[in-house]
């Protein structure tokens, strides 16, 4: 499971970086990133709570890194990171 979470997080990070570098893409692109983010959040919530502290900084960075990206992508990431923080964050960063 740790490898799956790492792969998913890297995918979302790379997709977000790509958009920041080259500009907004299209809805299908963001739907794909959101789908992987959703899957990752579900893994954390079901089985990976103990892994969250190891990648917490990277996930929190996604929240701010995706700010102002179109197609409501930034809002979606902020919401998902909020869920993780509320359930698994356990205090200060």
C-alpha atoms as a PDB file:
ATOM      1  CA  UNK A   1       0.000   0.000   0.000  1.00  0.00           C
ATOM      2  CA  UNK A   2       2.852   2.411   0.735  1.00  0.00           C
ATOM      3  CA  UNK A   3       4.081   2.058  -2.849  1.00  0.00           C
ATOM      4  CA  UNK A   4       0.600   2.721  -4.232  1.00  0.00           C
ATOM      5  CA  UNK A   5       0.248   5.871  -2.145  1.00  0.00           C
ATOM      6  CA  UNK A   6       3.687   7.062  -3.249  1.00  0.00           C
ATOM      7  CA  UNK A   7       2.814   6.475  -6.898  1.00  0.00           C
ATOM      8  CA  UNK A   8      -0.531   8.265  -6.580  1.00  0.00           C
ATOM      9  CA  UNK A   9       0.996  11.220  -4.774  1.00  0.00           C
ATOM     10  CA  UNK A  10       3.762  11.520  -7.361  1.00  0.00           C
ATOM     11  CA  UNK A  11       1.154  11.449 -10.158  1.00  0.00           C
ATOM     12  CA  UNK A  12      -0.882  14.264  -8.590  1.00  0.00           C
ATOM     13  CA  UNK A  13       2.240  16.291  -7.799  1.00  0.00           C
ATOM     14  CA  UNK A  14       3.537  15.905 -11.357  1.00  0.00           C
ATOM     15  CA  UNK A  15       0.186  16.799 -12.887  1.00  0.00           C
ATOM     16  CA  UNK A  16      -0.077  19.875 -10.703  1.00  0.00           C
ATOM     17  CA  UNK A  17       3.486  20.939 -11.534  1.00  0.00           C
ATOM     18  CA  UNK A  18       2.804  20.450 -15.241  1.00  0.00           C
ATOM     19  CA  UNK A  19      -0.213  22.743 -15.069  1.00  0.00           C
ATOM     20  CA  UNK A  20       1.688  25.394 -13.152  1.00  0.00           C
ATOM     21  CA  UNK A  21       4.432  25.293 -15.762  1.00  0.00           C
ATOM     22  CA  UNK A  22       2.346  25.131 -18.935  1.00  0.00           C
ATOM     23  CA  UNK A  23      -1.053  26.567 -17.957  1.00  0.00           C
ATOM     24  CA  UNK A  24      -4.562  25.171 -17.650  1.00  0.00           C
ATOM     25  CA  UNK A  25      -5.348  22.080 -19.673  1.00  0.00           C
ATOM     26  CA  UNK A  26      -8.922  20.695 -19.825  1.00  0.00           C
ATOM     27  CA  UNK A  27     -11.572  19.128 -17.628  1.00  0.00           C
ATOM     28  CA  UNK A  28     -10.612  15.538 -18.464  1.00  0.00           C
ATOM     29  CA  UNK A  29      -7.047  16.183 -17.320  1.00  0.00           C
ATOM     30  CA  UNK A  30      -8.182  17.522 -13.950  1.00  0.00           C
ATOM     31  CA  UNK A  31     -10.793  14.784 -13.591  1.00  0.00           C
ATOM     32  CA  UNK A  32      -7.987  12.246 -13.890  1.00  0.00           C
ATOM     33  CA  UNK A  33      -5.888  13.987 -11.233  1.00  0.00           C
ATOM     34  CA  UNK A  34      -8.912  14.316  -8.949  1.00  0.00           C
ATOM     35  CA  UNK A  35      -9.766  10.637  -9.402  1.00  0.00           C
ATOM     36  CA  UNK A  36      -6.284   9.586  -8.306  1.00  0.00           C
ATOM     37  CA  UNK A  37      -6.354  12.044  -5.397  1.00  0.00           C
ATOM     38  CA  UNK A  38      -9.700  10.621  -4.298  1.00  0.00           C
ATOM     39  CA  UNK A  39      -8.344   7.075  -4.465  1.00  0.00           C
ATOM     40  CA  UNK A  40      -5.309   8.084  -2.418  1.00  0.00           C
ATOM     41  CA  UNK A  41      -7.470   9.799   0.224  1.00  0.00           C
ATOM     42  CA  UNK A  42      -9.603   6.666   0.497  1.00  0.00           C
ATOM     43  CA  UNK A  43      -6.492   4.515   0.975  1.00  0.00           C
ATOM     44  CA  UNK A  44      -5.266   6.803   3.735  1.00  0.00           C
ATOM     45  CA  UNK A  45      -8.644   6.775   5.445  1.00  0.00           C
ATOM     46  CA  UNK A  46      -9.092   2.997   5.267  1.00  0.00           C
ATOM     47  CA  UNK A  47      -5.611   1.584   5.760  1.00  0.00           C
ATOM     48  CA  UNK A  48      -2.877   4.168   5.588  1.00  0.00           C
ATOM     49  CA  UNK A  49      -3.359   6.475   8.531  1.00  0.00           C
ATOM     50  CA  UNK A  50       0.063   5.605   9.906  1.00  0.00           C
ATOM     51  CA  UNK A  51       1.671   6.581   6.571  1.00  0.00           C
ATOM     52  CA  UNK A  52       0.141  10.045   6.466  1.00  0.00           C
ATOM     53  CA  UNK A  53       2.726  11.742   8.731  1.00  0.00           C
ATOM     54  CA  UNK A  54       5.494  10.635   6.343  1.00  0.00           C
ATOM     55  CA  UNK A  55       3.978  12.446   3.357  1.00  0.00           C
ATOM     56  CA  UNK A  56       1.992  15.125   5.141  1.00  0.00           C
ATOM     57  CA  UNK A  57       4.310  17.958   4.104  1.00  0.00           C
ATOM     58  CA  UNK A  58       4.052  16.976   0.425  1.00  0.00           C
ATOM     59  CA  UNK A  59       0.273  16.741   0.584  1.00  0.00           C
ATOM     60  CA  UNK A  60      -0.071  20.081   2.327  1.00  0.00           C
ATOM     61  CA  UNK A  61       2.206  21.600  -0.313  1.00  0.00           C
ATOM     62  CA  UNK A  62      -0.200  20.355  -2.997  1.00  0.00           C
ATOM     63  CA  UNK A  63      -2.982  22.352  -1.407  1.00  0.00           C
ATOM     64  CA  UNK A  64      -1.150  25.644  -1.835  1.00  0.00           C
ATOM     65  CA  UNK A  65       0.620  24.680  -5.066  1.00  0.00           C
ATOM     66  CA  UNK A  66      -2.727  24.045  -6.798  1.00  0.00           C
ATOM     67  CA  UNK A  67      -4.227  27.362  -5.724  1.00  0.00           C
ATOM     68  CA  UNK A  68      -5.693  29.325  -8.640  1.00  0.00           C
ATOM     69  CA  UNK A  69      -5.650  26.374 -11.048  1.00  0.00           C
ATOM     70  CA  UNK A  70      -8.827  26.305 -13.108  1.00  0.00           C
ATOM     71  CA  UNK A  71     -11.657  23.816 -13.445  1.00  0.00           C
ATOM     72  CA  UNK A  72     -12.126  23.925  -9.630  1.00  0.00           C
ATOM     73  CA  UNK A  73      -9.042  21.737  -9.264  1.00  0.00           C
ATOM     74  CA  UNK A  74      -7.449  23.911  -6.585  1.00  0.00           C
ATOM     75  CA  UNK A  75     -10.691  23.929  -4.610  1.00  0.00           C
ATOM     76  CA  UNK A  76     -10.941  20.155  -4.876  1.00  0.00           C
ATOM     77  CA  UNK A  77      -7.406  19.630  -3.585  1.00  0.00           C
ATOM     78  CA  UNK A  78      -7.969  22.055  -0.730  1.00  0.00           C
ATOM     79  CA  UNK A  79     -11.088  20.096   0.253  1.00  0.00           C
ATOM     80  CA  UNK A  80      -9.336  16.713   0.109  1.00  0.00           C
ATOM     81  CA  UNK A  81      -6.324  17.925   2.072  1.00  0.00           C
ATOM     82  CA  UNK A  82      -8.754  19.340   4.641  1.00  0.00           C
ATOM     83  CA  UNK A  83     -10.369  15.918   5.043  1.00  0.00           C
ATOM     84  CA  UNK A  84      -6.991  14.292   5.571  1.00  0.00           C
ATOM     85  CA  UNK A  85      -5.864  16.944   8.015  1.00  0.00           C
ATOM     86  CA  UNK A  86      -9.075  16.688  10.036  1.00  0.00           C
ATOM     87  CA  UNK A  87      -8.920  12.907  10.215  1.00  0.00           C
ATOM     88  CA  UNK A  88      -5.198  12.155  10.246  1.00  0.00           C
ATOM     89  CA  UNK A  89      -3.269  15.403  10.730  1.00  0.00           C
ATOM     90  CA  UNK A  90      -3.224  15.277  14.459  1.00  0.00           C
ATOM     91  CA  UNK A  91      -1.989  18.750  15.256  1.00  0.00           C
ATOM     92  CA  UNK A  92       0.667  21.090  13.979  1.00  0.00           C
ATOM     93  CA  UNK A  93       2.484  20.552  10.657  1.00  0.00           C
END
